[in-house]
Amino acid sequence: LFEGGIALEQLWIFIVGPFAGAALAAGLWCLIGC
């Protein structure tokens, strides 16, 4: 928000990517910690 430019243009990567990774981690934990 303060940097602007490419940081704002590519911000979606750093929202969608981590959320997708978190969902994968939850699934993996359910598999190995049943």
Full PDB file with SEQRES, HELIX, SHEET, SSBOND, CRYST1, ORIGX, SCALE, CONECT and MASTER records, all heavy atoms in Angstrom:
SEQRES   1 A   34  LEU PHE GLU GLY GLY ILE ALA LEU GLU GLN LEU TRP ILE          
SEQRES   2 A   34  PHE ILE VAL GLY PRO PHE ALA GLY ALA ALA LEU ALA ALA          
SEQRES   3 A   34  GLY LEU TRP CYS LEU ILE GLY CYS                              
HELIX    1 AA1 GLY A    5  GLU A    9  1                                   5    
HELIX    2 AA2 ILE A   13  ILE A   32  1                                  20    
CRYST1    1.000    1.000    1.000  90.00  90.00  90.00 P 1           1          
ORIGX1      1.000000  0.000000  0.000000        0.00000                         
ORIGX2      0.000000  1.000000  0.000000        0.00000                         
ORIGX3      0.000000  0.000000  1.000000        0.00000                         
SCALE1      1.000000  0.000000  0.000000        0.00000                         
SCALE2      0.000000  1.000000  0.000000        0.00000                         
SCALE3      0.000000  0.000000  1.000000        0.00000                         
ATOM      1  N   LEU A   1       0.820  -1.209   0.000  1.00  0.00           N  
ATOM      2  CA  LEU A   1       0.000   0.000   0.000  1.00  0.00           C  
ATOM      3  C   LEU A   1       0.852   1.256   0.000  1.00  0.00           C  
ATOM      4  O   LEU A   1       0.459   2.294  -0.551  1.00  0.00           O  
ATOM      5  CB  LEU A   1      -0.935   0.006   1.213  1.00  0.00           C  
ATOM      6  CG  LEU A   1      -2.029  -1.069   1.230  1.00  0.00           C  
ATOM      7  CD1 LEU A   1      -2.833  -0.973   2.514  1.00  0.00           C  
ATOM      8  CD2 LEU A   1      -2.943  -0.929   0.017  1.00  0.00           C  
ATOM      9  N   PHE A   2       2.026   1.183   0.608  1.00  0.00           N  
ATOM     10  CA  PHE A   2       2.917   2.340   0.668  1.00  0.00           C  
ATOM     11  C   PHE A   2       3.936   2.338  -0.478  1.00  0.00           C  
ATOM     12  O   PHE A   2       4.386   3.396  -0.911  1.00  0.00           O  
ATOM     13  CB  PHE A   2       3.653   2.370   2.011  1.00  0.00           C  
ATOM     14  CG  PHE A   2       2.755   2.667   3.174  1.00  0.00           C  
ATOM     15  CD1 PHE A   2       2.097   1.650   3.842  1.00  0.00           C  
ATOM     16  CD2 PHE A   2       2.545   3.979   3.586  1.00  0.00           C  
ATOM     17  CE1 PHE A   2       1.254   1.916   4.914  1.00  0.00           C  
ATOM     18  CE2 PHE A   2       1.698   4.262   4.648  1.00  0.00           C  
ATOM     19  CZ  PHE A   2       1.045   3.224   5.311  1.00  0.00           C  
ATOM     20  N   GLU A   3       4.284   1.162  -0.954  1.00  0.00           N  
ATOM     21  CA  GLU A   3       5.289   1.041  -2.017  1.00  0.00           C  
ATOM     22  C   GLU A   3       4.701   1.349  -3.380  1.00  0.00           C  
ATOM     23  O   GLU A   3       5.335   1.997  -4.211  1.00  0.00           O  
ATOM     24  CB  GLU A   3       5.873  -0.377  -2.022  1.00  0.00           C  
ATOM     25  CG  GLU A   3       7.122  -0.528  -2.868  1.00  0.00           C  
ATOM     26  CD  GLU A   3       8.331   0.116  -2.215  1.00  0.00           C  
ATOM     27  OE1 GLU A   3       8.357   0.213  -0.975  1.00  0.00           O  
ATOM     28  OE2 GLU A   3       9.251   0.524  -2.947  1.00  0.00           O  
ATOM     29  N   GLY A   4       3.472   0.859  -3.647  1.00  0.00           N  
ATOM     30  CA  GLY A   4       2.838   1.088  -4.944  1.00  0.00           C  
ATOM     31  C   GLY A   4       3.549   0.333  -6.060  1.00  0.00           C  
ATOM     32  O   GLY A   4       4.308  -0.612  -5.816  1.00  0.00           O  
ATOM     33  N   GLY A   5       3.345   0.762  -7.283  1.00  0.00           N  
ATOM     34  CA  GLY A   5       4.049   0.185  -8.419  1.00  0.00           C  
ATOM     35  C   GLY A   5       3.861  -1.311  -8.567  1.00  0.00           C  
ATOM     36  O   GLY A   5       2.764  -1.846  -8.431  1.00  0.00           O  
ATOM     37  N   ILE A   6       4.970  -1.999  -8.837  1.00  0.00           N  
ATOM     38  CA  ILE A   6       4.924  -3.434  -9.075  1.00  0.00           C  
ATOM     39  C   ILE A   6       4.463  -4.209  -7.839  1.00  0.00           C  
ATOM     40  O   ILE A   6       3.873  -5.283  -7.948  1.00  0.00           O  
ATOM     41  CB  ILE A   6       6.312  -3.953  -9.541  1.00  0.00           C  
ATOM     42  CG1 ILE A   6       6.189  -5.383 -10.085  1.00  0.00           C  
ATOM     43  CG2 ILE A   6       7.332  -3.878  -8.407  1.00  0.00           C  
ATOM     44  CD1 ILE A   6       7.472  -5.866 -10.733  1.00  0.00           C  
ATOM     45  N   ALA A   7       4.708  -3.655  -6.668  1.00  0.00           N  
ATOM     46  CA  ALA A   7       4.275  -4.321  -5.441  1.00  0.00           C  
ATOM     47  C   ALA A   7       2.751  -4.445  -5.401  1.00  0.00           C  
ATOM     48  O   ALA A   7       2.218  -5.467  -4.964  1.00  0.00           O  
ATOM     49  CB  ALA A   7       4.771  -3.550  -4.209  1.00  0.00           C  
ATOM     50  N   LEU A   8       2.056  -3.417  -5.852  1.00  0.00           N  
ATOM     51  CA  LEU A   8       0.597  -3.473  -5.912  1.00  0.00           C  
ATOM     52  C   LEU A   8       0.113  -4.312  -7.086  1.00  0.00           C  
ATOM     53  O   LEU A   8      -0.852  -5.073  -6.974  1.00  0.00           O  
ATOM     54  CB  LEU A   8       0.008  -2.069  -6.017  1.00  0.00           C  
ATOM     55  CG  LEU A   8      -0.264  -1.325  -4.709  1.00  0.00           C  
ATOM     56  CD1 LEU A   8      -0.822   0.062  -5.003  1.00  0.00           C  
ATOM     57  CD2 LEU A   8      -1.217  -2.100  -3.814  1.00  0.00           C  
ATOM     58  N   GLU A   9       0.803  -4.205  -8.219  1.00  0.00           N  
ATOM     59  CA  GLU A   9       0.413  -4.954  -9.407  1.00  0.00           C  
ATOM     60  C   GLU A   9       0.489  -6.465  -9.157  1.00  0.00           C  
ATOM     61  O   GLU A   9      -0.336  -7.229  -9.655  1.00  0.00           O  
ATOM     62  CB  GLU A   9       1.317  -4.584 -10.583  1.00  0.00           C  
ATOM     63  CG  GLU A   9       1.139  -3.164 -11.087  1.00  0.00           C  
ATOM     64  CD  GLU A   9       2.168  -2.791 -12.130  1.00  0.00           C  
ATOM     65  OE1 GLU A   9       2.889  -3.703 -12.614  1.00  0.00           O  
ATOM     66  OE2 GLU A   9       2.267  -1.599 -12.462  1.00  0.00           O  
ATOM     67  N   GLN A  10       1.485  -6.883  -8.404  1.00  0.00           N  
ATOM     68  CA  GLN A  10       1.687  -8.309  -8.174  1.00  0.00           C  
ATOM     69  C   GLN A  10       1.165  -8.775  -6.813  1.00  0.00           C  
ATOM     70  O   GLN A  10       1.386  -9.914  -6.420  1.00  0.00           O  
ATOM     71  CB  GLN A  10       3.180  -8.655  -8.294  1.00  0.00           C  
ATOM     72  CG  GLN A  10       3.748  -8.403  -9.677  1.00  0.00           C  
ATOM     73  CD  GLN A  10       5.197  -8.835  -9.801  1.00  0.00           C  
ATOM     74  OE1 GLN A  10       5.859  -9.186  -8.827  1.00  0.00           O  
ATOM     75  NE2 GLN A  10       5.703  -8.809 -11.020  1.00  0.00           N  
ATOM     76  N   LEU A  11       0.441  -7.915  -6.130  1.00  0.00           N  
ATOM     77  CA  LEU A  11      -0.028  -8.245  -4.786  1.00  0.00           C  
ATOM     78  C   LEU A  11      -0.889  -9.503  -4.770  1.00  0.00           C  
ATOM     79  O   LEU A  11      -0.861 -10.266  -3.800  1.00  0.00           O  
ATOM     80  CB  LEU A  11      -0.807  -7.055  -4.203  1.00  0.00           C  
ATOM     81  CG  LEU A  11      -1.349  -7.225  -2.781  1.00  0.00           C  
ATOM     82  CD1 LEU A  11      -0.220  -7.512  -1.786  1.00  0.00           C  
ATOM     83  CD2 LEU A  11      -2.126  -5.979  -2.358  1.00  0.00           C  
ATOM     84  N   TRP A  12      -1.654  -9.730  -5.821  1.00  0.00           N  
ATOM     85  CA  TRP A  12      -2.533 -10.899  -5.867  1.00  0.00           C  
ATOM     86  C   TRP A  12      -1.755 -12.198  -5.668  1.00  0.00           C  
ATOM     87  O   TRP A  12      -2.277 -13.155  -5.065  1.00  0.00           O  
ATOM     88  CB  TRP A  12      -3.295 -10.941  -7.191  1.00  0.00           C  
ATOM     89  CG  TRP A  12      -2.434 -11.208  -8.399  1.00  0.00           C  
ATOM     90  CD1 TRP A  12      -1.801 -10.287  -9.171  1.00  0.00           C  
ATOM     91  CD2 TRP A  12      -2.132 -12.494  -8.956  1.00  0.00           C  
ATOM     92  NE1 TRP A  12      -1.105 -10.899 -10.187  1.00  0.00           N  
ATOM     93  CE2 TRP A  12      -1.299 -12.262 -10.077  1.00  0.00           C  
ATOM     94  CE3 TRP A  12      -2.477 -13.802  -8.625  1.00  0.00           C  
ATOM     95  CZ2 TRP A  12      -0.804 -13.302 -10.867  1.00  0.00           C  
ATOM     96  CZ3 TRP A  12      -1.980 -14.840  -9.411  1.00  0.00           C  
ATOM     97  CH2 TRP A  12      -1.158 -14.597 -10.517  1.00  0.00           C  
ATOM     98  N   ILE A  13      -0.525 -12.237  -6.151  1.00  0.00           N  
ATOM     99  CA  ILE A  13       0.309 -13.434  -6.003  1.00  0.00           C  
ATOM    100  C   ILE A  13       0.544 -13.746  -4.534  1.00  0.00           C  
ATOM    101  O   ILE A  13       0.519 -14.908  -4.113  1.00  0.00           O  
ATOM    102  CB  ILE A  13       1.667 -13.237  -6.717  1.00  0.00           C  
ATOM    103  CG1 ILE A  13       1.457 -13.056  -8.207  1.00  0.00           C  
ATOM    104  CG2 ILE A  13       2.620 -14.406  -6.426  1.00  0.00           C  
ATOM    105  CD1 ILE A  13       2.711 -12.642  -8.941  1.00  0.00           C  
ATOM    106  N   PHE A  14       0.730 -12.700  -3.758  1.00  0.00           N  
ATOM    107  CA  PHE A  14       1.079 -12.857  -2.348  1.00  0.00           C  
ATOM    108  C   PHE A  14      -0.149 -12.952  -1.443  1.00  0.00           C  
ATOM    109  O   PHE A  14      -0.015 -12.991  -0.222  1.00  0.00           O  
ATOM    110  CB  PHE A  14       1.988 -11.703  -1.932  1.00  0.00           C  
ATOM    111  CG  PHE A  14       3.205 -11.611  -2.810  1.00  0.00           C  
ATOM    112  CD1 PHE A  14       3.271 -10.666  -3.824  1.00  0.00           C  
ATOM    113  CD2 PHE A  14       4.233 -12.511  -2.662  1.00  0.00           C  
ATOM    114  CE1 PHE A  14       4.379 -10.604  -4.655  1.00  0.00           C  
ATOM    115  CE2 PHE A  14       5.347 -12.460  -3.493  1.00  0.00           C  
ATOM    116  CZ  PHE A  14       5.423 -11.511  -4.499  1.00  0.00           C  
ATOM    117  N   ILE A  15      -1.310 -12.976  -2.062  1.00  0.00           N  
ATOM    118  CA  ILE A  15      -2.548 -13.277  -1.352  1.00  0.00           C  
ATOM    119  C   ILE A  15      -3.043 -14.664  -1.752  1.00  0.00           C  
ATOM    120  O   ILE A  15      -3.253 -15.536  -0.905  1.00  0.00           O  
ATOM    121  CB  ILE A  15      -3.632 -12.213  -1.649  1.00  0.00           C  
ATOM    122  CG1 ILE A  15      -3.184 -10.839  -1.138  1.00  0.00           C  
ATOM    123  CG2 ILE A  15      -4.963 -12.613  -0.999  1.00  0.00           C  
ATOM    124  CD1 ILE A  15      -4.138  -9.711  -1.494  1.00  0.00           C  
ATOM    125  N   VAL A  16      -3.175 -14.875  -3.050  1.00  0.00           N  
ATOM    126  CA  VAL A  16      -3.668 -16.162  -3.556  1.00  0.00           C  
ATOM    127  C   VAL A  16      -2.684 -17.294  -3.258  1.00  0.00           C  
ATOM    128  O   VAL A  16      -3.081 -18.377  -2.813  1.00  0.00           O  
ATOM    129  CB  VAL A  16      -3.941 -16.083  -5.074  1.00  0.00           C  
ATOM    130  CG1 VAL A  16      -4.404 -17.440  -5.607  1.00  0.00           C  
ATOM    131  CG2 VAL A  16      -4.983 -15.017  -5.380  1.00  0.00           C  
ATOM    132  N   GLY A  17      -1.389 -17.042  -3.485  1.00  0.00           N  
ATOM    133  CA  GLY A  17      -0.380 -18.074  -3.263  1.00  0.00           C  
ATOM    134  C   GLY A  17      -0.351 -18.596  -1.834  1.00  0.00           C  
ATOM    135  O   GLY A  17      -0.470 -19.809  -1.609  1.00  0.00           O  
ATOM    136  N   PRO A  18      -0.210 -17.728  -0.843  1.00  0.00           N  
ATOM    137  CA  PRO A  18      -0.201 -18.190   0.544  1.00  0.00           C  
ATOM    138  C   PRO A  18      -1.506 -18.865   0.979  1.00  0.00           C  
ATOM    139  O   PRO A  18      -1.481 -19.851   1.712  1.00  0.00           O  
ATOM    140  CB  PRO A  18       0.044 -16.903   1.338  1.00  0.00           C  
ATOM    141  CG  PRO A  18       0.849 -16.061   0.411  1.00  0.00           C  
ATOM    142  CD  PRO A  18       0.244 -16.330  -0.942  1.00  0.00           C  
ATOM    143  N   PHE A  19      -2.647 -18.356   0.512  1.00  0.00           N  
ATOM    144  CA  PHE A  19      -3.914 -18.999   0.872  1.00  0.00           C  
ATOM    145  C   PHE A  19      -4.009 -20.396   0.259  1.00  0.00           C  
ATOM    146  O   PHE A  19      -4.497 -21.336   0.898  1.00  0.00           O  
ATOM    147  CB  PHE A  19      -5.098 -18.139   0.432  1.00  0.00           C  
ATOM    148  CG  PHE A  19      -5.433 -17.032   1.400  1.00  0.00           C  
ATOM    149  CD1 PHE A  19      -5.961 -15.831   0.945  1.00  0.00           C  
ATOM    150  CD2 PHE A  19      -5.237 -17.182   2.769  1.00  0.00           C  
ATOM    151  CE1 PHE A  19      -6.280 -14.805   1.832  1.00  0.00           C  
ATOM    152  CE2 PHE A  19      -5.554 -16.172   3.672  1.00  0.00           C  
ATOM    153  CZ  PHE A  19      -6.075 -14.975   3.196  1.00  0.00           C  
ATOM    154  N   ALA A  20      -3.543 -20.543  -0.979  1.00  0.00           N  
ATOM    155  CA  ALA A  20      -3.542 -21.864  -1.608  1.00  0.00           C  
ATOM    156  C   ALA A  20      -2.608 -22.805  -0.859  1.00  0.00           C  
ATOM    157  O   ALA A  20      -2.925 -23.982  -0.626  1.00  0.00           O  
ATOM    158  CB  ALA A  20      -3.125 -21.743  -3.075  1.00  0.00           C  
ATOM    159  N   GLY A  21      -1.447 -22.297  -0.461  1.00  0.00           N  
ATOM    160  CA  GLY A  21      -0.501 -23.103   0.294  1.00  0.00           C  
ATOM    161  C   GLY A  21      -1.047 -23.525   1.646  1.00  0.00           C  
ATOM    162  O   GLY A  21      -0.833 -24.658   2.091  1.00  0.00           O  
ATOM    163  N   ALA A  22      -1.775 -22.618   2.291  1.00  0.00           N  
ATOM    164  CA  ALA A  22      -2.380 -22.933   3.593  1.00  0.00           C  
ATOM    165  C   ALA A  22      -3.427 -24.023   3.455  1.00  0.00           C  
ATOM    166  O   ALA A  22      -3.526 -24.918   4.305  1.00  0.00           O  
ATOM    167  CB  ALA A  22      -3.004 -21.675   4.193  1.00  0.00           C  
ATOM    168  N   ALA A  23      -4.222 -23.959   2.389  1.00  0.00           N  
ATOM    169  CA  ALA A  23      -5.242 -24.986   2.157  1.00  0.00           C  
ATOM    170  C   ALA A  23      -4.587 -26.346   1.915  1.00  0.00           C  
ATOM    171  O   ALA A  23      -5.050 -27.377   2.418  1.00  0.00           O  
ATOM    172  CB  ALA A  23      -6.111 -24.594   0.969  1.00  0.00           C  
ATOM    173  N   LEU A  24      -3.491 -26.358   1.167  1.00  0.00           N  
ATOM    174  CA  LEU A  24      -2.759 -27.601   0.931  1.00  0.00           C  
ATOM    175  C   LEU A  24      -2.199 -28.160   2.239  1.00  0.00           C  
ATOM    176  O   LEU A  24      -2.247 -29.369   2.480  1.00  0.00           O  
ATOM    177  CB  LEU A  24      -1.616 -27.363  -0.065  1.00  0.00           C  
ATOM    178  CG  LEU A  24      -1.999 -27.193  -1.532  1.00  0.00           C  
ATOM    179  CD1 LEU A  24      -0.764 -26.821  -2.343  1.00  0.00           C  
ATOM    180  CD2 LEU A  24      -2.629 -28.468  -2.075  1.00  0.00           C  
ATOM    181  N   ALA A  25      -1.679 -27.281   3.061  1.00  0.00           N  
ATOM    182  CA  ALA A  25      -1.113 -27.710   4.343  1.00  0.00           C  
ATOM    183  C   ALA A  25      -2.179 -28.322   5.238  1.00  0.00           C  
ATOM    184  O   ALA A  25      -1.932 -29.343   5.904  1.00  0.00           O  
ATOM    185  CB  ALA A  25      -0.460 -26.521   5.055  1.00  0.00           C  
ATOM    186  N   ALA A  26      -3.366 -27.714   5.255  1.00  0.00           N  
ATOM    187  CA  ALA A  26      -4.463 -28.256   6.059  1.00  0.00           C  
ATOM    188  C   ALA A  26      -4.831 -29.652   5.585  1.00  0.00           C  
ATOM    189  O   ALA A  26      -5.060 -30.560   6.393  1.00  0.00           O  
ATOM    190  CB  ALA A  26      -5.675 -27.326   5.987  1.00  0.00           C  
ATOM    191  N   GLY A  27      -4.873 -29.841   4.263  1.00  0.00           N  
ATOM    192  CA  GLY A  27      -5.175 -31.151   3.715  1.00  0.00           C  
ATOM    193  C   GLY A  27      -4.105 -32.174   4.046  1.00  0.00           C  
ATOM    194  O   GLY A  27      -4.408 -33.321   4.416  1.00  0.00           O  
ATOM    195  N   LEU A  28      -2.850 -31.759   3.944  1.00  0.00           N  
ATOM    196  CA  LEU A  28      -1.742 -32.663   4.260  1.00  0.00           C  
ATOM    197  C   LEU A  28      -1.748 -33.062   5.729  1.00  0.00           C  
ATOM    198  O   LEU A  28      -1.505 -34.227   6.066  1.00  0.00           O  
ATOM    199  CB  LEU A  28      -0.403 -31.991   3.913  1.00  0.00           C  
ATOM    200  CG  LEU A  28      -0.013 -31.981   2.440  1.00  0.00           C  
ATOM    201  CD1 LEU A  28       1.239 -31.131   2.240  1.00  0.00           C  
ATOM    202  CD2 LEU A  28       0.238 -33.407   1.945  1.00  0.00           C  
ATOM    203  N   TRP A  29      -2.034 -32.088   6.594  1.00  0.00           N  
ATOM    204  CA  TRP A  29      -2.046 -32.403   8.020  1.00  0.00           C  
ATOM    205  C   TRP A  29      -3.159 -33.380   8.354  1.00  0.00           C  
ATOM    206  O   TRP A  29      -2.997 -34.242   9.212  1.00  0.00           O  
ATOM    207  CB  TRP A  29      -2.156 -31.141   8.861  1.00  0.00           C  
ATOM    208  CG  TRP A  29      -2.156 -31.453  10.336  1.00  0.00           C  
ATOM    209  CD1 TRP A  29      -3.158 -31.259  11.223  1.00  0.00           C  
ATOM    210  CD2 TRP A  29      -1.088 -32.068  11.059  1.00  0.00           C  
ATOM    211  NE1 TRP A  29      -2.790 -31.700  12.473  1.00  0.00           N  
ATOM    212  CE2 TRP A  29      -1.511 -32.209  12.401  1.00  0.00           C  
ATOM    213  CE3 TRP A  29       0.188 -32.511  10.715  1.00  0.00           C  
ATOM    214  CZ2 TRP A  29      -0.713 -32.775  13.392  1.00  0.00           C  
ATOM    215  CZ3 TRP A  29       0.982 -33.071  11.701  1.00  0.00           C  
ATOM    216  CH2 TRP A  29       0.541 -33.202  13.017  1.00  0.00           C  
ATOM    217  N   CYS A  30      -4.274 -33.251   7.679  1.00  0.00           N  
ATOM    218  CA  CYS A  30      -5.368 -34.196   7.909  1.00  0.00           C  
ATOM    219  C   CYS A  30      -4.994 -35.609   7.445  1.00  0.00           C  
ATOM    220  O   CYS A  30      -5.474 -36.594   7.997  1.00  0.00           O  
ATOM    221  CB  CYS A  30      -6.636 -33.734   7.200  1.00  0.00           C  
ATOM    222  SG  CYS A  30      -7.511 -32.419   8.076  1.00  0.00           S  
ATOM    223  N   LEU A  31      -4.136 -35.685   6.437  1.00  0.00           N  
ATOM    224  CA  LEU A  31      -3.708 -36.990   5.942  1.00  0.00           C  
ATOM    225  C   LEU A  31      -2.705 -37.655   6.886  1.00  0.00           C  
ATOM    226  O   LEU A  31      -2.774 -38.862   7.132  1.00  0.00           O  
ATOM    227  CB  LEU A  31      -3.077 -36.855   4.547  1.00  0.00           C  
ATOM    228  CG  LEU A  31      -4.026 -36.581   3.391  1.00  0.00           C  
ATOM    229  CD1 LEU A  31      -3.236 -36.348   2.110  1.00  0.00           C  
ATOM    230  CD2 LEU A  31      -5.006 -37.735   3.204  1.00  0.00           C  
ATOM    231  N   ILE A  32      -1.781 -36.873   7.410  1.00  0.00           N  
ATOM    232  CA  ILE A  32      -0.740 -37.470   8.244  1.00  0.00           C  
ATOM    233  C   ILE A  32      -1.060 -37.394   9.736  1.00  0.00           C  
ATOM    234  O   ILE A  32      -0.419 -38.071  10.543  1.00  0.00           O  
ATOM    235  CB  ILE A  32       0.638 -36.801   7.974  1.00  0.00           C  
ATOM    236  CG1 ILE A  32       0.605 -35.314   8.349  1.00  0.00           C  
ATOM    237  CG2 ILE A  32       1.042 -36.980   6.528  1.00  0.00           C  
ATOM    238  CD1 ILE A  32       1.932 -34.607   8.152  1.00  0.00           C  
ATOM    239  N   GLY A  33      -2.060 -36.578  10.097  1.00  0.00           N  
ATOM    240  CA  GLY A  33      -2.495 -36.497  11.492  1.00  0.00           C  
ATOM    241  C   GLY A  33      -3.971 -36.824  11.543  1.00  0.00           C  
ATOM    242  O   GLY A  33      -4.788 -35.965  11.838  1.00  0.00           O  
ATOM    243  N   CYS A  34      -4.312 -38.057  11.243  1.00  0.00           N  
ATOM    244  CA  CYS A  34      -5.691 -38.440  10.943  1.00  0.00           C  
ATOM    245  C   CYS A  34      -6.663 -38.333  12.122  1.00  0.00           C  
ATOM    246  O   CYS A  34      -7.854 -38.490  11.941  1.00  0.00           O  
ATOM    247  CB  CYS A  34      -5.733 -39.871  10.397  1.00  0.00           C  
ATOM    248  SG  CYS A  34      -5.088 -41.105  11.550  1.00  0.00           S  
TER     249      CYS A  34                                                      
MASTER        0    0    0    2    0    0    0    6  248    1    0    3          
END                                                                             
